[in-house]
Amino acid sequence: MTDFVAMLSTGKGTWLEVSHLIKAEEWNNIYLITNLFGAQNFRAEKKVNFIILDLNLDIQAIKDSIFNELKDKLKLDVALNMHSGSGKEHLALISALLKTGVGIRFVAMKNKEMIEV
């Protein structure tokens, strides 16, 4: 089964997409990369694992933190959503995931259905 990983950061309306994607499938595990504000305020209908980071750190520090948190937790296949967040956060997340060796599928919502991009 696939693990779901998403950036949960800034961008008007982006948390709603993450919420819909969480509900869209039966995921093995759900990992949300966020800051303390996101972990305290995001509500999901399924069990999620928050990876709480200081997203103001430099890109290398963010990447290393994500990698260290996920390196022994992910299976072979990851569905990834980066609708939320900044380019720096996205680059750090992709780099960390590639370093773990997992396969990545980019997912998004379209017309109330999950699609692979």
PDB file of N, CA and C in Angstrom:
ATOM      1  N   MET A   1       0.844  -1.178   0.000  1.00  0.00           N
ATOM      2  CA  MET A   1       0.000   0.000   0.000  1.00  0.00           C
ATOM      3  C   MET A   1       0.892   1.245   0.000  1.00  0.00           C
ATOM      4  N   THR A   2       0.381   2.316  -0.497  1.00  0.00           N
ATOM      5  CA  THR A   2       1.116   3.554  -0.688  1.00  0.00           C
ATOM      6  C   THR A   2       1.079   4.438   0.551  1.00  0.00           C
ATOM      7  N   ASP A   3       2.207   5.077   0.840  1.00  0.00           N
ATOM      8  CA  ASP A   3       2.260   6.116   1.866  1.00  0.00           C
ATOM      9  C   ASP A   3       1.923   7.448   1.202  1.00  0.00           C
ATOM     10  N   PHE A   4       1.257   8.331   1.946  1.00  0.00           N
ATOM     11  CA  PHE A   4       0.933   9.666   1.455  1.00  0.00           C
ATOM     12  C   PHE A   4       1.790  10.673   2.212  1.00  0.00           C
ATOM     13  N   VAL A   5       2.468  11.537   1.467  1.00  0.00           N
ATOM     14  CA  VAL A   5       3.297  12.596   2.048  1.00  0.00           C
ATOM     15  C   VAL A   5       2.847  13.917   1.430  1.00  0.00           C
ATOM     16  N   ALA A   6       2.659  14.913   2.275  1.00  0.00           N
ATOM     17  CA  ALA A   6       2.258  16.230   1.767  1.00  0.00           C
ATOM     18  C   ALA A   6       2.931  17.325   2.568  1.00  0.00           C
ATOM     19  N   MET A   7       3.209  18.411   1.882  1.00  0.00           N
ATOM     20  CA  MET A   7       3.647  19.632   2.540  1.00  0.00           C
ATOM     21  C   MET A   7       2.379  20.328   3.009  1.00  0.00           C
ATOM     22  N   LEU A   8       2.351  20.740   4.253  1.00  0.00           N
ATOM     23  CA  LEU A   8       1.206  21.453   4.824  1.00  0.00           C
ATOM     24  C   LEU A   8       1.747  22.768   5.363  1.00  0.00           C
ATOM     25  N   SER A   9       1.757  23.772   4.499  1.00  0.00           N
ATOM     26  CA  SER A   9       2.400  25.029   4.854  1.00  0.00           C
ATOM     27  C   SER A   9       1.506  26.185   4.450  1.00  0.00           C
ATOM     28  N   THR A  10       1.978  27.056   3.587  1.00  0.00           N
ATOM     29  CA  THR A  10       1.248  28.269   3.231  1.00  0.00           C
ATOM     30  C   THR A  10       0.564  28.143   1.881  1.00  0.00           C
ATOM     31  N   GLY A  11      -0.394  29.011   1.676  1.00  0.00           N
ATOM     32  CA  GLY A  11      -1.124  29.070   0.408  1.00  0.00           C
ATOM     33  C   GLY A  11      -2.610  28.985   0.675  1.00  0.00           C
ATOM     34  N   LYS A  12      -3.343  29.985   0.282  1.00  0.00           N
ATOM     35  CA  LYS A  12      -4.779  30.045   0.539  1.00  0.00           C
ATOM     36  C   LYS A  12      -5.497  28.836  -0.067  1.00  0.00           C
ATOM     37  N   GLY A  13      -6.216  28.113   0.755  1.00  0.00           N
ATOM     38  CA  GLY A  13      -7.009  26.980   0.306  1.00  0.00           C
ATOM     39  C   GLY A  13      -6.241  25.684   0.135  1.00  0.00           C
ATOM     40  N   THR A  14      -4.948  25.689   0.387  1.00  0.00           N
ATOM     41  CA  THR A  14      -4.150  24.494   0.113  1.00  0.00           C
ATOM     42  C   THR A  14      -4.378  23.383   1.133  1.00  0.00           C
ATOM     43  N   TRP A  15      -4.753  23.737   2.349  1.00  0.00           N
ATOM     44  CA  TRP A  15      -5.012  22.711   3.353  1.00  0.00           C
ATOM     45  C   TRP A  15      -6.235  21.879   2.969  1.00  0.00           C
ATOM     46  N   LEU A  16      -7.197  22.500   2.300  1.00  0.00           N
ATOM     47  CA  LEU A  16      -8.395  21.780   1.875  1.00  0.00           C
ATOM     48  C   LEU A  16      -8.034  20.674   0.890  1.00  0.00           C
ATOM     49  N   GLU A  17      -7.121  20.952  -0.035  1.00  0.00           N
ATOM     50  CA  GLU A  17      -6.698  19.915  -0.977  1.00  0.00           C
ATOM     51  C   GLU A  17      -6.043  18.752  -0.235  1.00  0.00           C
ATOM     52  N   VAL A  18      -5.178  19.056   0.719  1.00  0.00           N
ATOM     53  CA  VAL A  18      -4.530  17.998   1.501  1.00  0.00           C
ATOM     54  C   VAL A  18      -5.589  17.161   2.229  1.00  0.00           C
ATOM     55  N   SER A  19      -6.570  17.818   2.806  1.00  0.00           N
ATOM     56  CA  SER A  19      -7.648  17.121   3.508  1.00  0.00           C
ATOM     57  C   SER A  19      -8.410  16.186   2.567  1.00  0.00           C
ATOM     58  N   HIS A  20      -8.722  16.665   1.373  1.00  0.00           N
ATOM     59  CA  HIS A  20      -9.430  15.830   0.387  1.00  0.00           C
ATOM     60  C   HIS A  20      -8.581  14.641  -0.049  1.00  0.00           C
ATOM     61  N   LEU A  21      -7.299  14.859  -0.236  1.00  0.00           N
ATOM     62  CA  LEU A  21      -6.421  13.759  -0.637  1.00  0.00           C
ATOM     63  C   LEU A  21      -6.298  12.704   0.453  1.00  0.00           C
ATOM     64  N   ILE A  22      -6.282  13.126   1.697  1.00  0.00           N
ATOM     65  CA  ILE A  22      -6.234  12.169   2.806  1.00  0.00           C
ATOM     66  C   ILE A  22      -7.457  11.259   2.750  1.00  0.00           C
ATOM     67  N   LYS A  23      -8.619  11.821   2.457  1.00  0.00           N
ATOM     68  CA  LYS A  23      -9.860  11.046   2.396  1.00  0.00           C
ATOM     69  C   LYS A  23      -9.990  10.233   1.115  1.00  0.00           C
ATOM     70  N   ALA A  24      -9.253  10.600   0.070  1.00  0.00           N
ATOM     71  CA  ALA A  24      -9.453  10.015  -1.258  1.00  0.00           C
ATOM     72  C   ALA A  24      -9.049   8.548  -1.370  1.00  0.00           C
ATOM     73  N   GLU A  25      -8.111   8.097  -0.537  1.00  0.00           N
ATOM     74  CA  GLU A  25      -7.572   6.741  -0.652  1.00  0.00           C
ATOM     75  C   GLU A  25      -7.387   6.129   0.727  1.00  0.00           C
ATOM     76  N   GLU A  26      -7.153   4.834   0.736  1.00  0.00           N
ATOM     77  CA  GLU A  26      -6.729   4.146   1.951  1.00  0.00           C
ATOM     78  C   GLU A  26      -5.204   4.113   1.910  1.00  0.00           C
ATOM     79  N   TRP A  27      -4.570   4.971   2.678  1.00  0.00           N
ATOM     80  CA  TRP A  27      -3.124   5.090   2.687  1.00  0.00           C
ATOM     81  C   TRP A  27      -2.526   4.190   3.745  1.00  0.00           C
ATOM     82  N   ASN A  28      -1.335   3.672   3.482  1.00  0.00           N
ATOM     83  CA  ASN A  28      -0.608   2.900   4.481  1.00  0.00           C
ATOM     84  C   ASN A  28      -0.284   3.791   5.674  1.00  0.00           C
ATOM     85  N   ASN A  29       0.349   4.919   5.416  1.00  0.00           N
ATOM     86  CA  ASN A  29       0.658   5.936   6.419  1.00  0.00           C
ATOM     87  C   ASN A  29       0.492   7.300   5.780  1.00  0.00           C
ATOM     88  N   ILE A  30       0.200   8.283   6.609  1.00  0.00           N
ATOM     89  CA  ILE A  30       0.057   9.664   6.150  1.00  0.00           C
ATOM     90  C   ILE A  30       1.048  10.524   6.921  1.00  0.00           C
ATOM     91  N   TYR A  31       1.929  11.202   6.185  1.00  0.00           N
ATOM     92  CA  TYR A  31       2.940  12.077   6.785  1.00  0.00           C
ATOM     93  C   TYR A  31       2.737  13.496   6.264  1.00  0.00           C
ATOM     94  N   LEU A  32       2.558  14.427   7.172  1.00  0.00           N
ATOM     95  CA  LEU A  32       2.393  15.823   6.801  1.00  0.00           C
ATOM     96  C   LEU A  32       3.580  16.617   7.334  1.00  0.00           C
ATOM     97  N   ILE A  33       4.277  17.276   6.407  1.00  0.00           N
ATOM     98  CA  ILE A  33       5.419  18.117   6.750  1.00  0.00           C
ATOM     99  C   ILE A  33       4.868  19.512   7.018  1.00  0.00           C
ATOM    100  N   THR A  34       5.059  20.008   8.234  1.00  0.00           N
ATOM    101  CA  THR A  34       4.454  21.274   8.604  1.00  0.00           C
ATOM    102  C   THR A  34       5.241  21.939   9.730  1.00  0.00           C
ATOM    103  N   ASN A  35       4.756  23.098  10.146  1.00  0.00           N
ATOM    104  CA  ASN A  35       5.316  23.763  11.313  1.00  0.00           C
ATOM    105  C   ASN A  35       4.386  23.532  12.505  1.00  0.00           C
ATOM    106  N   LEU A  36       4.709  24.091  13.640  1.00  0.00           N
ATOM    107  CA  LEU A  36       3.906  23.887  14.840  1.00  0.00           C
ATOM    108  C   LEU A  36       2.477  24.390  14.644  1.00  0.00           C
ATOM    109  N   PHE A  37       2.318  25.525  13.968  1.00  0.00           N
ATOM    110  CA  PHE A  37       0.981  26.064  13.699  1.00  0.00           C
ATOM    111  C   PHE A  37       0.143  25.063  12.916  1.00  0.00           C
ATOM    112  N   GLY A  38       0.719  24.463  11.880  1.00  0.00           N
ATOM    113  CA  GLY A  38      -0.012  23.488  11.077  1.00  0.00           C
ATOM    114  C   GLY A  38      -0.418  22.268  11.877  1.00  0.00           C
ATOM    115  N   ALA A  39       0.489  21.766  12.696  1.00  0.00           N
ATOM    116  CA  ALA A  39       0.190  20.583  13.510  1.00  0.00           C
ATOM    117  C   ALA A  39      -0.908  20.871  14.532  1.00  0.00           C
ATOM    118  N   GLN A  40      -0.943  22.073  15.044  1.00  0.00           N
ATOM    119  CA  GLN A  40      -1.944  22.425  16.055  1.00  0.00           C
ATOM    120  C   GLN A  40      -3.309  22.739  15.451  1.00  0.00           C
ATOM    121  N   ASN A  41      -3.344  23.137  14.173  1.00  0.00           N
ATOM    122  CA  ASN A  41      -4.598  23.639  13.606  1.00  0.00           C
ATOM    123  C   ASN A  41      -5.211  22.774  12.507  1.00  0.00           C
ATOM    124  N   PHE A  42      -4.460  21.865  11.911  1.00  0.00           N
ATOM    125  CA  PHE A  42      -5.006  21.024  10.845  1.00  0.00           C
ATOM    126  C   PHE A  42      -5.788  19.873  11.467  1.00  0.00           C
ATOM    127  N   ARG A  43      -6.967  19.628  10.946  1.00  0.00           N
ATOM    128  CA  ARG A  43      -7.808  18.531  11.408  1.00  0.00           C
ATOM    129  C   ARG A  43      -8.037  17.558  10.257  1.00  0.00           C
ATOM    130  N   ALA A  44      -7.811  16.290  10.534  1.00  0.00           N
ATOM    131  CA  ALA A  44      -7.998  15.254   9.517  1.00  0.00           C
ATOM    132  C   ALA A  44      -8.922  14.182  10.067  1.00  0.00           C
ATOM    133  N   GLU A  45      -9.615  13.510   9.152  1.00  0.00           N
ATOM    134  CA  GLU A  45     -10.529  12.451   9.548  1.00  0.00           C
ATOM    135  C   GLU A  45      -9.827  11.108   9.723  1.00  0.00           C
ATOM    136  N   LYS A  46      -8.548  11.059   9.392  1.00  0.00           N
ATOM    137  CA  LYS A  46      -7.758   9.845   9.548  1.00  0.00           C
ATOM    138  C   LYS A  46      -6.536  10.170  10.397  1.00  0.00           C
ATOM    139  N   LYS A  47      -5.876   9.122  10.860  1.00  0.00           N
ATOM    140  CA  LYS A  47      -4.659   9.302  11.644  1.00  0.00           C
ATOM    141  C   LYS A  47      -3.551   9.821  10.734  1.00  0.00           C
ATOM    142  N   VAL A  48      -2.949  10.928  11.144  1.00  0.00           N
ATOM    143  CA  VAL A  48      -1.826  11.491  10.393  1.00  0.00           C
ATOM    144  C   VAL A  48      -0.619  11.594  11.315  1.00  0.00           C
ATOM    145  N   ASN A  49       0.543  11.522  10.711  1.00  0.00           N
ATOM    146  CA  ASN A  49       1.804  11.699  11.423  1.00  0.00           C
ATOM    147  C   ASN A  49       2.373  13.049  11.009  1.00  0.00           C
ATOM    148  N   PHE A  50       2.471  13.947  11.962  1.00  0.00           N
ATOM    149  CA  PHE A  50       3.030  15.265  11.676  1.00  0.00           C
ATOM    150  C   PHE A  50       4.543  15.230  11.835  1.00  0.00           C
ATOM    151  N   ILE A  51       5.228  15.792  10.865  1.00  0.00           N
ATOM    152  CA  ILE A  51       6.654  16.041  10.977  1.00  0.00           C
ATOM    153  C   ILE A  51       6.780  17.549  11.117  1.00  0.00           C
ATOM    154  N   ILE A  52       7.027  17.972  12.352  1.00  0.00           N
ATOM    155  CA  ILE A  52       7.012  19.395  12.687  1.00  0.00           C
ATOM    156  C   ILE A  52       8.421  19.957  12.556  1.00  0.00           C
ATOM    157  N   LEU A  53       8.540  20.964  11.687  1.00  0.00           N
ATOM    158  CA  LEU A  53       9.843  21.564  11.395  1.00  0.00           C
ATOM    159  C   LEU A  53       9.772  23.083  11.522  1.00  0.00           C
ATOM    160  N   ASP A  54      10.927  23.682  11.681  1.00  0.00           N
ATOM    161  CA  ASP A  54      11.045  25.129  11.563  1.00  0.00           C
ATOM    162  C   ASP A  54      11.281  25.401  10.080  1.00  0.00           C
ATOM    163  N   LEU A  55      10.240  25.783   9.372  1.00  0.00           N
ATOM    164  CA  LEU A  55      10.330  25.984   7.930  1.00  0.00           C
ATOM    165  C   LEU A  55      11.053  27.270   7.553  1.00  0.00           C
ATOM    166  N   ASN A  56      11.523  28.003   8.543  1.00  0.00           N
ATOM    167  CA  ASN A  56      12.331  29.187   8.284  1.00  0.00           C
ATOM    168  C   ASN A  56      13.817  28.851   8.185  1.00  0.00           C
ATOM    169  N   LEU A  57      14.176  27.607   8.497  1.00  0.00           N
ATOM    170  CA  LEU A  57      15.579  27.192   8.385  1.00  0.00           C
ATOM    171  C   LEU A  57      16.008  27.185   6.926  1.00  0.00           C
ATOM    172  N   ASP A  58      17.310  27.031   6.699  1.00  0.00           N
ATOM    173  CA  ASP A  58      17.777  26.972   5.317  1.00  0.00           C
ATOM    174  C   ASP A  58      17.374  25.637   4.685  1.00  0.00           C
ATOM    175  N   ILE A  59      17.434  25.591   3.385  1.00  0.00           N
ATOM    176  CA  ILE A  59      16.937  24.448   2.622  1.00  0.00           C
ATOM    177  C   ILE A  59      17.627  23.132   3.004  1.00  0.00           C
ATOM    178  N   GLN A  60      18.918  23.167   3.241  1.00  0.00           N
ATOM    179  CA  GLN A  60      19.660  21.955   3.608  1.00  0.00           C
ATOM    180  C   GLN A  60      19.187  21.420   4.961  1.00  0.00           C
ATOM    181  N   ALA A  61      18.969  22.304   5.911  1.00  0.00           N
ATOM    182  CA  ALA A  61      18.504  21.891   7.237  1.00  0.00           C
ATOM    183  C   ALA A  61      17.098  21.289   7.161  1.00  0.00           C
ATOM    184  N   ILE A  62      16.241  21.874   6.341  1.00  0.00           N
ATOM    185  CA  ILE A  62      14.890  21.330   6.169  1.00  0.00           C
ATOM    186  C   ILE A  62      14.967  19.951   5.531  1.00  0.00           C
ATOM    187  N   LYS A  63      15.770  19.818   4.468  1.00  0.00           N
ATOM    188  CA  LYS A  63      15.931  18.520   3.796  1.00  0.00           C
ATOM    189  C   LYS A  63      16.452  17.465   4.755  1.00  0.00           C
ATOM    190  N   ASP A  64      17.491  17.789   5.505  1.00  0.00           N
ATOM    191  CA  ASP A  64      18.070  16.832   6.441  1.00  0.00           C
ATOM    192  C   ASP A  64      17.059  16.413   7.508  1.00  0.00           C
ATOM    193  N   SER A  65      16.274  17.344   7.996  1.00  0.00           N
ATOM    194  CA  SER A  65      15.266  17.033   9.009  1.00  0.00           C
ATOM    195  C   SER A  65      14.199  16.100   8.448  1.00  0.00           C
ATOM    196  N   ILE A  66      13.727  16.393   7.243  1.00  0.00           N
ATOM    197  CA  ILE A  66      12.721  15.533   6.618  1.00  0.00           C
ATOM    198  C   ILE A  66      13.291  14.140   6.395  1.00  0.00           C
ATOM    199  N   PHE A  67      14.492  14.072   5.844  1.00  0.00           N
ATOM    200  CA  PHE A  67      15.124  12.775   5.596  1.00  0.00           C
ATOM    201  C   PHE A  67      15.260  11.964   6.877  1.00  0.00           C
ATOM    202  N   ASN A  68      15.760  12.585   7.935  1.00  0.00           N
ATOM    203  CA  ASN A  68      15.955  11.879   9.194  1.00  0.00           C
ATOM    204  C   ASN A  68      14.644  11.375   9.787  1.00  0.00           C
ATOM    205  N   GLU A  69      13.570  12.112   9.583  1.00  0.00           N
ATOM    206  CA  GLU A  69      12.268  11.698  10.094  1.00  0.00           C
ATOM    207  C   GLU A  69      11.649  10.558   9.281  1.00  0.00           C
ATOM    208  N   LEU A  70      11.901  10.528   7.973  1.00  0.00           N
ATOM    209  CA  LEU A  70      11.213   9.572   7.098  1.00  0.00           C
ATOM    210  C   LEU A  70      12.050   8.379   6.644  1.00  0.00           C
ATOM    211  N   LYS A  71      13.354   8.420   6.831  1.00  0.00           N
ATOM    212  CA  LYS A  71      14.242   7.435   6.202  1.00  0.00           C
ATOM    213  C   LYS A  71      13.910   5.985   6.521  1.00  0.00           C
ATOM    214  N   ASP A  72      13.415   5.679   7.682  1.00  0.00           N
ATOM    215  CA  ASP A  72      13.110   4.294   8.044  1.00  0.00           C
ATOM    216  C   ASP A  72      11.614   4.010   8.110  1.00  0.00           C
ATOM    217  N   LYS A  73      10.799   4.945   7.662  1.00  0.00           N
ATOM    218  CA  LYS A  73       9.348   4.807   7.814  1.00  0.00           C
ATOM    219  C   LYS A  73       8.615   4.531   6.505  1.00  0.00           C
ATOM    220  N   LEU A  74       9.166   4.973   5.389  1.00  0.00           N
ATOM    221  CA  LEU A  74       8.462   4.868   4.111  1.00  0.00           C
ATOM    222  C   LEU A  74       8.659   3.502   3.463  1.00  0.00           C
ATOM    223  N   LYS A  75       7.631   3.073   2.743  1.00  0.00           N
ATOM    224  CA  LYS A  75       7.723   1.842   1.961  1.00  0.00           C
ATOM    225  C   LYS A  75       8.297   2.209   0.592  1.00  0.00           C
ATOM    226  N   LEU A  76       7.976   1.447  -0.416  1.00  0.00           N
ATOM    227  CA  LEU A  76       8.548   1.677  -1.744  1.00  0.00           C
ATOM    228  C   LEU A  76       7.877   2.788  -2.539  1.00  0.00           C
ATOM    229  N   ASP A  77       6.588   3.008  -2.290  1.00  0.00           N
ATOM    230  CA  ASP A  77       5.803   3.918  -3.121  1.00  0.00           C
ATOM    231  C   ASP A  77       5.239   5.048  -2.272  1.00  0.00           C
ATOM    232  N   VAL A  78       5.437   6.293  -2.734  1.00  0.00           N
ATOM    233  CA  VAL A  78       4.932   7.464  -2.033  1.00  0.00           C
ATOM    234  C   VAL A  78       4.093   8.298  -2.990  1.00  0.00           C
ATOM    235  N   ALA A  79       2.883   8.638  -2.555  1.00  0.00           N
ATOM    236  CA  ALA A  79       2.062   9.619  -3.260  1.00  0.00           C
ATOM    237  C   ALA A  79       2.375  10.961  -2.617  1.00  0.00           C
ATOM    238  N   LEU A  80       2.795  11.919  -3.421  1.00  0.00           N
ATOM    239  CA  LEU A  80       3.286  13.195  -2.912  1.00  0.00           C
ATOM    240  C   LEU A  80       2.439  14.349  -3.414  1.00  0.00           C
ATOM    241  N   ASN A  81       2.057  15.227  -2.485  1.00  0.00           N
ATOM    242  CA  ASN A  81       1.352  16.445  -2.852  1.00  0.00           C
ATOM    243  C   ASN A  81       2.103  17.637  -2.292  1.00  0.00           C
ATOM    244  N   MET A  82       2.328  18.628  -3.153  1.00  0.00           N
ATOM    245  CA  MET A  82       3.030  19.839  -2.751  1.00  0.00           C
ATOM    246  C   MET A  82       2.243  21.086  -3.135  1.00  0.00           C
ATOM    247  N   HIS A  83       0.926  20.978  -3.110  1.00  0.00           N
ATOM    248  CA  HIS A  83       0.088  22.120  -3.434  1.00  0.00           C
ATOM    249  C   HIS A  83       0.323  23.253  -2.433  1.00  0.00           C
ATOM    250  N   SER A  84       0.605  22.883  -1.208  1.00  0.00           N
ATOM    251  CA  SER A  84       0.843  23.849  -0.138  1.00  0.00           C
ATOM    252  C   SER A  84       2.342  24.081   0.025  1.00  0.00           C
ATOM    253  N   GLY A  85       2.714  25.294   0.346  1.00  0.00           N
ATOM    254  CA  GLY A  85       4.111  25.560   0.673  1.00  0.00           C
ATOM    255  C   GLY A  85       4.854  26.377  -0.364  1.00  0.00           C
ATOM    256  N   SER A  86       6.139  26.558  -0.091  1.00  0.00           N
ATOM    257  CA  SER A  86       7.008  27.376  -0.936  1.00  0.00           C
ATOM    258  C   SER A  86       7.940  26.500  -1.761  1.00  0.00           C
ATOM    259  N   GLY A  87       8.584  27.105  -2.718  1.00  0.00           N
ATOM    260  CA  GLY A  87       9.546  26.386  -3.546  1.00  0.00           C
ATOM    261  C   GLY A  87      10.693  25.807  -2.737  1.00  0.00           C
ATOM    262  N   LYS A  88      11.187  26.544  -1.759  1.00  0.00           N
ATOM    263  CA  LYS A  88      12.270  26.061  -0.899  1.00  0.00           C
ATOM    264  C   LYS A  88      11.826  24.799  -0.169  1.00  0.00           C
ATOM    265  N   GLU A  89      10.619  24.813   0.367  1.00  0.00           N
ATOM    266  CA  GLU A  89      10.088  23.654   1.081  1.00  0.00           C
ATOM    267  C   GLU A  89       9.902  22.471   0.141  1.00  0.00           C
ATOM    268  N   HIS A  90       9.408  22.744  -1.055  1.00  0.00           N
ATOM    269  CA  HIS A  90       9.187  21.675  -2.038  1.00  0.00           C
ATOM    270  C   HIS A  90      10.508  21.023  -2.448  1.00  0.00           C
ATOM    271  N   LEU A  91      11.500  21.844  -2.723  1.00  0.00           N
ATOM    272  CA  LEU A  91      12.806  21.325  -3.132  1.00  0.00           C
ATOM    273  C   LEU A  91      13.411  20.461  -2.027  1.00  0.00           C
ATOM    274  N   ALA A  92      13.321  20.916  -0.793  1.00  0.00           N
ATOM    275  CA  ALA A  92      13.845  20.142   0.339  1.00  0.00           C
ATOM    276  C   ALA A  92      13.103  18.821   0.481  1.00  0.00           C
ATOM    277  N   LEU A  93      11.798  18.840   0.301  1.00  0.00           N
ATOM    278  CA  LEU A  93      10.996  17.622   0.437  1.00  0.00           C
ATOM    279  C   LEU A  93      11.314  16.611  -0.658  1.00  0.00           C
ATOM    280  N   ILE A  94      11.364  17.050  -1.904  1.00  0.00           N
ATOM    281  CA  ILE A  94      11.689  16.132  -3.005  1.00  0.00           C
ATOM    282  C   ILE A  94      13.088  15.557  -2.815  1.00  0.00           C
ATOM    283  N   SER A  95      14.033  16.389  -2.467  1.00  0.00           N
ATOM    284  CA  SER A  95      15.401  15.924  -2.262  1.00  0.00           C
ATOM    285  C   SER A  95      15.473  14.879  -1.151  1.00  0.00           C
ATOM    286  N   ALA A  96      14.788  15.123  -0.044  1.00  0.00           N
ATOM    287  CA  ALA A  96      14.784  14.166   1.069  1.00  0.00           C
ATOM    288  C   ALA A  96      14.151  12.844   0.653  1.00  0.00           C
ATOM    289  N   LEU A  97      13.037  12.896  -0.071  1.00  0.00           N
ATOM    290  CA  LEU A  97      12.376  11.664  -0.502  1.00  0.00           C
ATOM    291  C   LEU A  97      13.244  10.871  -1.478  1.00  0.00           C
ATOM    292  N   LEU A  98      13.862  11.562  -2.428  1.00  0.00           N
ATOM    293  CA  LEU A  98      14.737  10.863  -3.373  1.00  0.00           C
ATOM    294  C   LEU A  98      15.908  10.201  -2.656  1.00  0.00           C
ATOM    295  N   LYS A  99      16.411  10.857  -1.636  1.00  0.00           N
ATOM    296  CA  LYS A  99      17.524  10.298  -0.862  1.00  0.00           C
ATOM    297  C   LYS A  99      17.123   9.010  -0.136  1.00  0.00           C
ATOM    298  N   THR A 100      15.843   8.867   0.223  1.00  0.00           N
ATOM    299  CA  THR A 100      15.389   7.638   0.885  1.00  0.00           C
ATOM    300  C   THR A 100      15.294   6.471  -0.088  1.00  0.00           C
ATOM    301  N   GLY A 101      15.219   6.769  -1.399  1.00  0.00           N
ATOM    302  CA  GLY A 101      15.154   5.711  -2.400  1.00  0.00           C
ATOM    303  C   GLY A 101      13.748   5.275  -2.785  1.00  0.00           C
ATOM    304  N   VAL A 102      12.730   5.959  -2.302  1.00  0.00           N
ATOM    305  CA  VAL A 102      11.358   5.579  -2.638  1.00  0.00           C
ATOM    306  C   VAL A 102      10.974   6.076  -4.030  1.00  0.00           C
ATOM    307  N   GLY A 103       9.978   5.444  -4.615  1.00  0.00           N
ATOM    308  CA  GLY A 103       9.381   5.938  -5.845  1.00  0.00           C
ATOM    309  C   GLY A 103       8.335   6.985  -5.495  1.00  0.00           C
ATOM    310  N   ILE A 104       8.238   8.004  -6.320  1.00  0.00           N
ATOM    311  CA  ILE A 104       7.322   9.117  -6.045  1.00  0.00           C
ATOM    312  C   ILE A 104       6.289   9.233  -7.155  1.00  0.00           C
ATOM    313  N   ARG A 105       5.024   9.350  -6.759  1.00  0.00           N
ATOM    314  CA  ARG A 105       3.924   9.690  -7.665  1.00  0.00           C
ATOM    315  C   ARG A 105       3.353  11.015  -7.187  1.00  0.00           C
ATOM    316  N   PHE A 106       3.251  11.993  -8.050  1.00  0.00           N
ATOM    317  CA  PHE A 106       2.660  13.269  -7.680  1.00  0.00           C
ATOM    318  C   PHE A 106       1.151  13.165  -7.809  1.00  0.00           C
ATOM    319  N   VAL A 107       0.430  13.597  -6.767  1.00  0.00           N
ATOM    320  CA  VAL A 107      -1.028  13.518  -6.766  1.00  0.00           C
ATOM    321  C   VAL A 107      -1.628  14.880  -6.464  1.00  0.00           C
ATOM    322  N   ALA A 108      -2.829  15.092  -6.985  1.00  0.00           N
ATOM    323  CA  ALA A 108      -3.561  16.336  -6.766  1.00  0.00           C
ATOM    324  C   ALA A 108      -5.059  16.020  -6.870  1.00  0.00           C
ATOM    325  N   MET A 109      -5.868  17.018  -6.596  1.00  0.00           N
ATOM    326  CA  MET A 109      -7.311  16.881  -6.733  1.00  0.00           C
ATOM    327  C   MET A 109      -7.771  17.607  -7.998  1.00  0.00           C
ATOM    328  N   LYS A 110      -8.708  16.991  -8.698  1.00  0.00           N
ATOM    329  CA  LYS A 110      -9.336  17.622  -9.857  1.00  0.00           C
ATOM    330  C   LYS A 110     -10.775  17.146  -9.915  1.00  0.00           C
ATOM    331  N   ASN A 111     -11.705  18.091  -9.944  1.00  0.00           N
ATOM    332  CA  ASN A 111     -13.123  17.759  -9.988  1.00  0.00           C
ATOM    333  C   ASN A 111     -13.504  16.764  -8.888  1.00  0.00           C
ATOM    334  N   LYS A 112     -12.991  17.019  -7.693  1.00  0.00           N
ATOM    335  CA  LYS A 112     -13.287  16.228  -6.488  1.00  0.00           C
ATOM    336  C   LYS A 112     -12.765  14.792  -6.543  1.00  0.00           C
ATOM    337  N   GLU A 113     -11.801  14.539  -7.413  1.00  0.00           N
ATOM    338  CA  GLU A 113     -11.182  13.214  -7.502  1.00  0.00           C
ATOM    339  C   GLU A 113      -9.669  13.360  -7.489  1.00  0.00           C
ATOM    340  N   MET A 114      -9.005  12.361  -6.914  1.00  0.00           N
ATOM    341  CA  MET A 114      -7.553  12.358  -6.907  1.00  0.00           C
ATOM    342  C   MET A 114      -7.050  11.969  -8.293  1.00  0.00           C
ATOM    343  N   ILE A 115      -6.046  12.698  -8.765  1.00  0.00           N
ATOM    344  CA  ILE A 115      -5.412  12.371 -10.041  1.00  0.00           C
ATOM    345  C   ILE A 115      -3.903  12.279  -9.833  1.00  0.00           C
ATOM    346  N   GLU A 116      -3.261  11.521 -10.689  1.00  0.00           N
ATOM    347  CA  GLU A 116      -1.799  11.516 -10.721  1.00  0.00           C
ATOM    348  C   GLU A 116      -1.375  12.520 -11.770  1.00  0.00           C
ATOM    349  N   VAL A 117      -0.389  13.326 -11.420  1.00  0.00           N
ATOM    350  CA  VAL A 117       0.074  14.381 -12.314  1.00  0.00           C
ATOM    351  C   VAL A 117       1.310  13.896 -13.047  1.00  0.00           C
TER     352      VAL A 117
END
